[in-house]
Amino acid sequence: MQDYNYVWANCFEITLELSCCKYPPTSELQQEWENNRESLFSFIEKVVHIGVKGFVRDAVTGAGLDNATIVVAGIAHNITAGK
């Protein structure tokens, strides 16, 4: 799903594994949260503003451009703007 979303939905997903146990008991979930909360917040603070965000607009009229292709030199993955 991550590959599909990156290529077709312009969405970069990640998977975070917090424990070696795939299905921890319910009684341990609160401790897993406590063990990883600060690291997760630090990660979010670092990555939330990486990249480009905004609106694609016509230079003359300022109207939004649907389905505009955004190309960055040196990156072999174009992005198509939404509505």
N, C-alpha and C. Protein backbone atom coordinates (compact mmCIF):
# COMPACT_ATOMS: atom_id res chain seq x y z
N MET A 1 0.82 -1.19 0.00
CA MET A 1 0.00 0.00 0.00
C MET A 1 0.86 1.25 0.00
N GLN A 2 1.98 1.22 0.72
CA GLN A 2 2.85 2.39 0.77
C GLN A 2 3.38 2.75 -0.61
N ASP A 3 3.81 1.75 -1.37
CA ASP A 3 4.32 2.02 -2.72
C ASP A 3 3.22 2.57 -3.62
N TYR A 4 2.04 2.00 -3.53
CA TYR A 4 0.93 2.47 -4.35
C TYR A 4 0.61 3.94 -4.02
N ASN A 5 0.52 4.26 -2.75
CA ASN A 5 0.19 5.64 -2.36
C ASN A 5 1.26 6.62 -2.79
N TYR A 6 2.53 6.22 -2.72
CA TYR A 6 3.62 7.11 -3.13
C TYR A 6 3.53 7.41 -4.63
N VAL A 7 3.31 6.36 -5.43
CA VAL A 7 3.30 6.53 -6.88
C VAL A 7 2.01 7.17 -7.38
N TRP A 8 0.86 6.76 -6.85
CA TRP A 8 -0.41 7.17 -7.43
C TRP A 8 -1.17 8.21 -6.63
N ALA A 9 -0.90 8.37 -5.35
CA ALA A 9 -1.68 9.31 -4.55
C ALA A 9 -0.83 10.45 -3.98
N ASN A 10 0.46 10.50 -4.39
CA ASN A 10 1.36 11.55 -3.90
C ASN A 10 1.39 11.61 -2.38
N CYS A 11 1.34 10.44 -1.78
CA CYS A 11 1.31 10.34 -0.32
C CYS A 11 2.46 9.44 0.12
N PHE A 12 3.28 9.93 1.02
CA PHE A 12 4.41 9.15 1.51
C PHE A 12 4.06 8.60 2.88
N GLU A 13 3.89 7.30 2.96
CA GLU A 13 3.52 6.65 4.22
C GLU A 13 4.74 5.98 4.83
N ILE A 14 4.69 5.82 6.13
CA ILE A 14 5.74 5.08 6.83
C ILE A 14 5.07 4.08 7.78
N THR A 15 5.83 3.09 8.16
CA THR A 15 5.39 2.14 9.17
C THR A 15 6.35 2.24 10.34
N LEU A 16 5.82 2.43 11.53
CA LEU A 16 6.63 2.48 12.74
C LEU A 16 6.36 1.22 13.55
N GLU A 17 7.41 0.52 13.89
CA GLU A 17 7.28 -0.67 14.71
C GLU A 17 7.84 -0.33 16.09
N LEU A 18 7.00 -0.40 17.09
CA LEU A 18 7.38 0.05 18.43
C LEU A 18 7.88 -1.07 19.32
N SER A 19 7.69 -2.28 18.91
CA SER A 19 8.05 -3.41 19.75
C SER A 19 8.37 -4.61 18.85
N CYS A 20 9.08 -5.57 19.38
CA CYS A 20 9.33 -6.79 18.61
C CYS A 20 8.10 -7.70 18.65
N CYS A 21 7.17 -7.39 19.53
CA CYS A 21 5.94 -8.18 19.66
C CYS A 21 4.88 -7.61 18.72
N LYS A 22 4.43 -8.40 17.78
CA LYS A 22 3.45 -7.92 16.80
C LYS A 22 2.09 -7.65 17.44
N TYR A 23 1.70 -8.43 18.40
CA TYR A 23 0.40 -8.28 19.05
C TYR A 23 0.58 -8.22 20.57
N PRO A 24 1.02 -7.07 21.10
CA PRO A 24 1.20 -7.01 22.56
C PRO A 24 -0.14 -7.11 23.27
N PRO A 25 -0.13 -7.66 24.46
CA PRO A 25 -1.38 -7.73 25.23
C PRO A 25 -1.92 -6.32 25.51
N THR A 26 -3.21 -6.22 25.58
CA THR A 26 -3.86 -4.93 25.86
C THR A 26 -3.30 -4.28 27.11
N SER A 27 -2.97 -5.07 28.09
CA SER A 27 -2.46 -4.54 29.36
C SER A 27 -1.11 -3.84 29.20
N GLU A 28 -0.40 -4.09 28.09
CA GLU A 28 0.92 -3.49 27.87
C GLU A 28 0.89 -2.29 26.94
N LEU A 29 -0.26 -1.98 26.34
CA LEU A 29 -0.32 -0.91 25.35
C LEU A 29 -0.01 0.46 25.95
N GLN A 30 -0.49 0.74 27.14
CA GLN A 30 -0.21 2.03 27.77
C GLN A 30 1.29 2.20 27.98
N GLN A 31 1.98 1.14 28.41
CA GLN A 31 3.43 1.24 28.61
C GLN A 31 4.16 1.44 27.28
N GLU A 32 3.70 0.79 26.21
CA GLU A 32 4.31 0.99 24.89
C GLU A 32 4.17 2.45 24.47
N TRP A 33 3.01 3.04 24.72
CA TRP A 33 2.79 4.45 24.41
C TRP A 33 3.76 5.32 25.22
N GLU A 34 3.86 5.07 26.50
CA GLU A 34 4.76 5.84 27.36
C GLU A 34 6.22 5.69 26.91
N ASN A 35 6.61 4.51 26.51
CA ASN A 35 7.99 4.26 26.07
C ASN A 35 8.33 4.99 24.78
N ASN A 36 7.35 5.24 23.95
CA ASN A 36 7.62 5.76 22.60
C ASN A 36 7.04 7.13 22.31
N ARG A 37 6.28 7.70 23.21
CA ARG A 37 5.58 8.97 22.97
C ARG A 37 6.54 10.09 22.56
N GLU A 38 7.57 10.34 23.34
CA GLU A 38 8.47 11.46 23.04
C GLU A 38 9.20 11.28 21.72
N SER A 39 9.61 10.06 21.42
CA SER A 39 10.28 9.79 20.14
C SER A 39 9.34 10.05 18.98
N LEU A 40 8.09 9.62 19.12
CA LEU A 40 7.11 9.84 18.06
C LEU A 40 6.86 11.33 17.85
N PHE A 41 6.69 12.07 18.92
CA PHE A 41 6.49 13.52 18.80
C PHE A 41 7.70 14.20 18.17
N SER A 42 8.90 13.79 18.55
CA SER A 42 10.11 14.36 17.96
C SER A 42 10.17 14.09 16.46
N PHE A 43 9.82 12.87 16.08
CA PHE A 43 9.81 12.51 14.66
C PHE A 43 8.81 13.37 13.90
N ILE A 44 7.61 13.51 14.42
CA ILE A 44 6.58 14.31 13.76
C ILE A 44 7.04 15.75 13.62
N GLU A 45 7.63 16.32 14.67
CA GLU A 45 8.12 17.70 14.61
C GLU A 45 9.18 17.88 13.52
N LYS A 46 10.01 16.87 13.31
CA LYS A 46 11.07 16.96 12.30
C LYS A 46 10.53 16.87 10.88
N VAL A 47 9.59 15.97 10.63
CA VAL A 47 9.19 15.70 9.25
C VAL A 47 7.97 16.47 8.77
N VAL A 48 7.22 17.05 9.69
CA VAL A 48 5.96 17.67 9.28
C VAL A 48 6.17 18.85 8.31
N HIS A 49 7.30 19.51 8.38
CA HIS A 49 7.52 20.67 7.52
C HIS A 49 8.55 20.42 6.43
N ILE A 50 8.93 19.17 6.22
CA ILE A 50 9.87 18.86 5.14
C ILE A 50 9.09 18.74 3.84
N GLY A 51 9.62 19.30 2.79
CA GLY A 51 8.98 19.18 1.48
C GLY A 51 8.37 20.50 1.05
N VAL A 52 7.51 20.41 0.09
CA VAL A 52 6.87 21.59 -0.48
C VAL A 52 5.37 21.46 -0.26
N LYS A 53 4.75 22.55 0.11
CA LYS A 53 3.30 22.54 0.27
C LYS A 53 2.75 23.86 -0.22
N GLY A 54 1.54 23.87 -0.63
CA GLY A 54 0.93 25.11 -1.09
C GLY A 54 -0.04 24.85 -2.22
N PHE A 55 -0.28 25.90 -2.98
CA PHE A 55 -1.24 25.85 -4.07
C PHE A 55 -0.54 26.16 -5.38
N VAL A 56 -0.96 25.52 -6.46
CA VAL A 56 -0.44 25.82 -7.79
C VAL A 56 -1.43 26.77 -8.44
N ARG A 57 -0.93 27.97 -8.76
CA ARG A 57 -1.81 29.02 -9.29
C ARG A 57 -1.27 29.57 -10.61
N ASP A 58 -2.17 30.06 -11.43
CA ASP A 58 -1.82 30.73 -12.67
C ASP A 58 -1.09 32.03 -12.32
N ALA A 59 0.03 32.28 -12.98
CA ALA A 59 0.85 33.46 -12.67
C ALA A 59 0.15 34.77 -12.99
N VAL A 60 -0.77 34.77 -13.92
CA VAL A 60 -1.45 36.01 -14.32
C VAL A 60 -2.74 36.21 -13.55
N THR A 61 -3.59 35.20 -13.54
CA THR A 61 -4.92 35.37 -12.94
C THR A 61 -4.96 34.99 -11.46
N GLY A 62 -4.02 34.17 -11.04
CA GLY A 62 -4.03 33.71 -9.65
C GLY A 62 -5.01 32.57 -9.40
N ALA A 63 -5.68 32.11 -10.45
CA ALA A 63 -6.64 31.01 -10.33
C ALA A 63 -5.88 29.70 -10.08
N GLY A 64 -6.48 28.83 -9.29
CA GLY A 64 -5.88 27.53 -9.02
C GLY A 64 -5.82 26.69 -10.28
N LEU A 65 -4.75 25.91 -10.42
CA LEU A 65 -4.58 25.04 -11.58
C LEU A 65 -4.78 23.59 -11.16
N ASP A 66 -5.79 22.95 -11.72
CA ASP A 66 -6.05 21.54 -11.44
C ASP A 66 -5.10 20.67 -12.24
N ASN A 67 -4.68 19.58 -11.64
CA ASN A 67 -3.87 18.56 -12.33
C ASN A 67 -2.57 19.10 -12.93
N ALA A 68 -1.98 20.12 -12.32
CA ALA A 68 -0.70 20.63 -12.79
C ALA A 68 0.39 19.64 -12.40
N THR A 69 1.34 19.41 -13.30
CA THR A 69 2.45 18.51 -13.01
C THR A 69 3.60 19.33 -12.44
N ILE A 70 4.10 18.89 -11.30
CA ILE A 70 5.20 19.57 -10.63
C ILE A 70 6.44 18.72 -10.83
N VAL A 71 7.46 19.31 -11.45
CA VAL A 71 8.69 18.60 -11.77
C VAL A 71 9.84 19.27 -11.02
N VAL A 72 10.64 18.46 -10.33
CA VAL A 72 11.81 18.96 -9.62
C VAL A 72 13.04 18.33 -10.24
N ALA A 73 13.99 19.15 -10.68
CA ALA A 73 15.22 18.64 -11.31
C ALA A 73 15.95 17.72 -10.33
N GLY A 74 16.36 16.57 -10.83
CA GLY A 74 17.12 15.63 -10.01
C GLY A 74 16.26 14.63 -9.25
N ILE A 75 14.94 14.79 -9.30
CA ILE A 75 14.04 13.83 -8.64
C ILE A 75 13.19 13.19 -9.73
N ALA A 76 13.26 11.89 -9.83
CA ALA A 76 12.58 11.17 -10.92
C ALA A 76 11.16 10.79 -10.57
N HIS A 77 10.47 11.62 -9.81
CA HIS A 77 9.08 11.34 -9.46
C HIS A 77 8.31 12.65 -9.49
N ASN A 78 7.52 12.83 -10.54
CA ASN A 78 6.71 14.04 -10.66
C ASN A 78 5.48 13.93 -9.78
N ILE A 79 4.96 15.07 -9.37
CA ILE A 79 3.76 15.13 -8.55
C ILE A 79 2.68 15.86 -9.37
N THR A 80 1.48 15.38 -9.31
CA THR A 80 0.36 16.04 -9.96
C THR A 80 -0.51 16.67 -8.90
N ALA A 81 -0.74 17.97 -9.03
CA ALA A 81 -1.56 18.71 -8.07
C ALA A 81 -3.01 18.26 -8.16
N GLY A 82 -3.72 18.36 -7.08
CA GLY A 82 -5.15 18.05 -7.08
C GLY A 82 -5.96 19.27 -7.45
N LYS A 83 -7.19 19.31 -6.98
CA LYS A 83 -8.04 20.48 -7.26
C LYS A 83 -7.73 21.59 -6.30
